[in-house]
Amino acid sequence: MGRTTITLDPDMAATLRRPASERGATHTETFNAVIRAGIATYRPGQDGTYREQVVSLMVRTGIALTHAHCLAGEFEDPAIVRKLELNG
């Protein structure tokens, strides 16, 4: 068995102390149990990085969406003006 020194944040140390005292276990036993549980649930590819899922917009071939935001703005602007006038 190897010996390693680690520094825990205060909140993590408190989190580990609670189950250790409840079970009557040592800090080493509790830390090992927590590490084992984490490793058991680890799945490759779940490294916390964001992966964007690409989906089809189902737009027919030949329809250019280059200026779609402009068209959306043309519909949205009058709606915003009406809303402000009603709430005004």
C-alpha atoms as a PDB file:
ATOM      1  CA  MET A   1       0.000   0.000   0.000  1.00  0.00           C
ATOM      2  CA  GLY A   2       1.405   3.392  -0.985  1.00  0.00           C
ATOM      3  CA  ARG A   3       1.199   6.545   1.050  1.00  0.00           C
ATOM      4  CA  THR A   4       0.264   9.822  -0.626  1.00  0.00           C
ATOM      5  CA  THR A   5      -0.373  13.245   0.831  1.00  0.00           C
ATOM      6  CA  ILE A   6      -3.274  15.193  -0.649  1.00  0.00           C
ATOM      7  CA  THR A   7      -4.720  18.567   0.245  1.00  0.00           C
ATOM      8  CA  LEU A   8      -8.499  18.740   0.366  1.00  0.00           C
ATOM      9  CA  ASP A   9     -10.593  21.861   0.224  1.00  0.00           C
ATOM     10  CA  PRO A  10     -12.254  22.488   3.611  1.00  0.00           C
ATOM     11  CA  ASP A  11     -15.723  21.614   2.302  1.00  0.00           C
ATOM     12  CA  MET A  12     -14.463  18.311   0.873  1.00  0.00           C
ATOM     13  CA  ALA A  13     -12.681  17.440   4.113  1.00  0.00           C
ATOM     14  CA  ALA A  14     -15.919  18.051   6.039  1.00  0.00           C
ATOM     15  CA  THR A  15     -17.858  15.970   3.519  1.00  0.00           C
ATOM     16  CA  LEU A  16     -15.471  13.048   4.037  1.00  0.00           C
ATOM     17  CA  ARG A  17     -15.405  13.384   7.834  1.00  0.00           C
ATOM     18  CA  ARG A  18     -19.173  12.972   8.186  1.00  0.00           C
ATOM     19  CA  PRO A  19     -19.505   9.449   6.711  1.00  0.00           C
ATOM     20  CA  ALA A  20     -16.238   8.417   8.364  1.00  0.00           C
ATOM     21  CA  SER A  21     -17.574   9.263  11.797  1.00  0.00           C
ATOM     22  CA  GLU A  22     -21.015   7.765  11.086  1.00  0.00           C
ATOM     23  CA  ARG A  23     -19.494   4.445  10.003  1.00  0.00           C
ATOM     24  CA  GLY A  24     -16.664   4.479  12.506  1.00  0.00           C
ATOM     25  CA  ALA A  25     -14.229   4.295   9.596  1.00  0.00           C
ATOM     26  CA  THR A  26     -10.876   5.990   9.226  1.00  0.00           C
ATOM     27  CA  HIS A  27     -10.352   8.878   6.843  1.00  0.00           C
ATOM     28  CA  THR A  28      -8.233   6.585   4.664  1.00  0.00           C
ATOM     29  CA  GLU A  29     -10.998   3.949   4.435  1.00  0.00           C
ATOM     30  CA  THR A  30     -13.595   6.588   3.618  1.00  0.00           C
ATOM     31  CA  PHE A  31     -11.399   8.296   1.024  1.00  0.00           C
ATOM     32  CA  ASN A  32     -10.648   4.955  -0.659  1.00  0.00           C
ATOM     33  CA  ALA A  33     -14.367   4.075  -0.724  1.00  0.00           C
ATOM     34  CA  VAL A  34     -15.212   7.419  -2.323  1.00  0.00           C
ATOM     35  CA  ILE A  35     -12.456   7.067  -4.933  1.00  0.00           C
ATOM     36  CA  ARG A  36     -13.564   3.499  -5.731  1.00  0.00           C
ATOM     37  CA  ALA A  37     -17.185   4.614  -6.135  1.00  0.00           C
ATOM     38  CA  GLY A  38     -16.114   7.418  -8.467  1.00  0.00           C
ATOM     39  CA  ILE A  39     -13.950   5.135 -10.558  1.00  0.00           C
ATOM     40  CA  ALA A  40     -16.739   2.541 -10.754  1.00  0.00           C
ATOM     41  CA  THR A  41     -19.129   5.083 -12.285  1.00  0.00           C
ATOM     42  CA  TYR A  42     -16.553   6.682 -14.611  1.00  0.00           C
ATOM     43  CA  ARG A  43     -17.229   6.136 -18.295  1.00  0.00           C
ATOM     44  CA  PRO A  44     -14.669   7.057 -20.977  1.00  0.00           C
ATOM     45  CA  GLY A  45     -15.796  10.115 -22.890  1.00  0.00           C
ATOM     46  CA  GLN A  46     -17.385  11.701 -19.817  1.00  0.00           C
ATOM     47  CA  ASP A  47     -14.494  14.023 -19.187  1.00  0.00           C
ATOM     48  CA  GLY A  48     -16.625  17.120 -18.665  1.00  0.00           C
ATOM     49  CA  THR A  49     -16.002  18.559 -22.103  1.00  0.00           C
ATOM     50  CA  TYR A  50     -18.951  19.946 -24.006  1.00  0.00           C
ATOM     51  CA  ARG A  51     -19.931  18.086 -27.130  1.00  0.00           C
ATOM     52  CA  GLU A  52     -22.364  19.730 -29.468  1.00  0.00           C
ATOM     53  CA  GLN A  53     -24.990  17.518 -31.014  1.00  0.00           C
ATOM     54  CA  VAL A  54     -25.610  18.406 -34.633  1.00  0.00           C
ATOM     55  CA  VAL A  55     -29.137  18.028 -35.966  1.00  0.00           C
ATOM     56  CA  SER A  56     -30.650  18.576 -39.378  1.00  0.00           C
ATOM     57  CA  LEU A  57     -32.889  21.624 -39.821  1.00  0.00           C
ATOM     58  CA  MET A  58     -34.824  19.690 -42.447  1.00  0.00           C
ATOM     59  CA  VAL A  59     -34.536  22.590 -44.912  1.00  0.00           C
ATOM     60  CA  ARG A  60     -35.153  21.770 -48.525  1.00  0.00           C
ATOM     61  CA  THR A  61     -32.210  21.875 -50.881  1.00  0.00           C
ATOM     62  CA  GLY A  62     -31.877  25.223 -52.623  1.00  0.00           C
ATOM     63  CA  ILE A  63     -33.215  27.356 -49.774  1.00  0.00           C
ATOM     64  CA  ALA A  64     -30.478  29.715 -48.586  1.00  0.00           C
ATOM     65  CA  LEU A  65     -30.573  30.598 -44.906  1.00  0.00           C
ATOM     66  CA  THR A  66     -27.774  33.152 -45.205  1.00  0.00           C
ATOM     67  CA  HIS A  67     -30.033  36.087 -44.352  1.00  0.00           C
ATOM     68  CA  ALA A  68     -32.696  34.278 -42.324  1.00  0.00           C
ATOM     69  CA  HIS A  69     -31.850  36.340 -39.228  1.00  0.00           C
ATOM     70  CA  CYS A  70     -32.743  39.510 -41.166  1.00  0.00           C
ATOM     71  CA  LEU A  71     -36.135  38.104 -42.110  1.00  0.00           C
ATOM     72  CA  ALA A  72     -36.741  37.037 -38.515  1.00  0.00           C
ATOM     73  CA  GLY A  73     -35.838  40.537 -37.362  1.00  0.00           C
ATOM     74  CA  GLU A  74     -38.349  42.050 -39.772  1.00  0.00           C
ATOM     75  CA  PHE A  75     -41.121  39.985 -38.180  1.00  0.00           C
ATOM     76  CA  GLU A  76     -39.869  40.427 -34.636  1.00  0.00           C
ATOM     77  CA  ASP A  77     -39.330  44.203 -34.586  1.00  0.00           C
ATOM     78  CA  PRO A  78     -42.999  45.188 -35.102  1.00  0.00           C
ATOM     79  CA  ALA A  79     -44.052  42.636 -32.480  1.00  0.00           C
ATOM     80  CA  ILE A  80     -41.663  44.160 -29.948  1.00  0.00           C
ATOM     81  CA  VAL A  81     -42.921  47.673 -30.765  1.00  0.00           C
ATOM     82  CA  ARG A  82     -46.545  46.544 -30.251  1.00  0.00           C
ATOM     83  CA  LYS A  83     -45.644  44.927 -26.941  1.00  0.00           C
ATOM     84  CA  LEU A  84     -43.898  48.072 -25.719  1.00  0.00           C
ATOM     85  CA  GLU A  85     -46.852  50.222 -26.775  1.00  0.00           C
ATOM     86  CA  LEU A  86     -49.256  47.972 -24.845  1.00  0.00           C
ATOM     87  CA  ASN A  87     -47.098  47.969 -21.721  1.00  0.00           C
ATOM     88  CA  GLY A  88     -46.039  51.595 -22.171  1.00  0.00           C
END
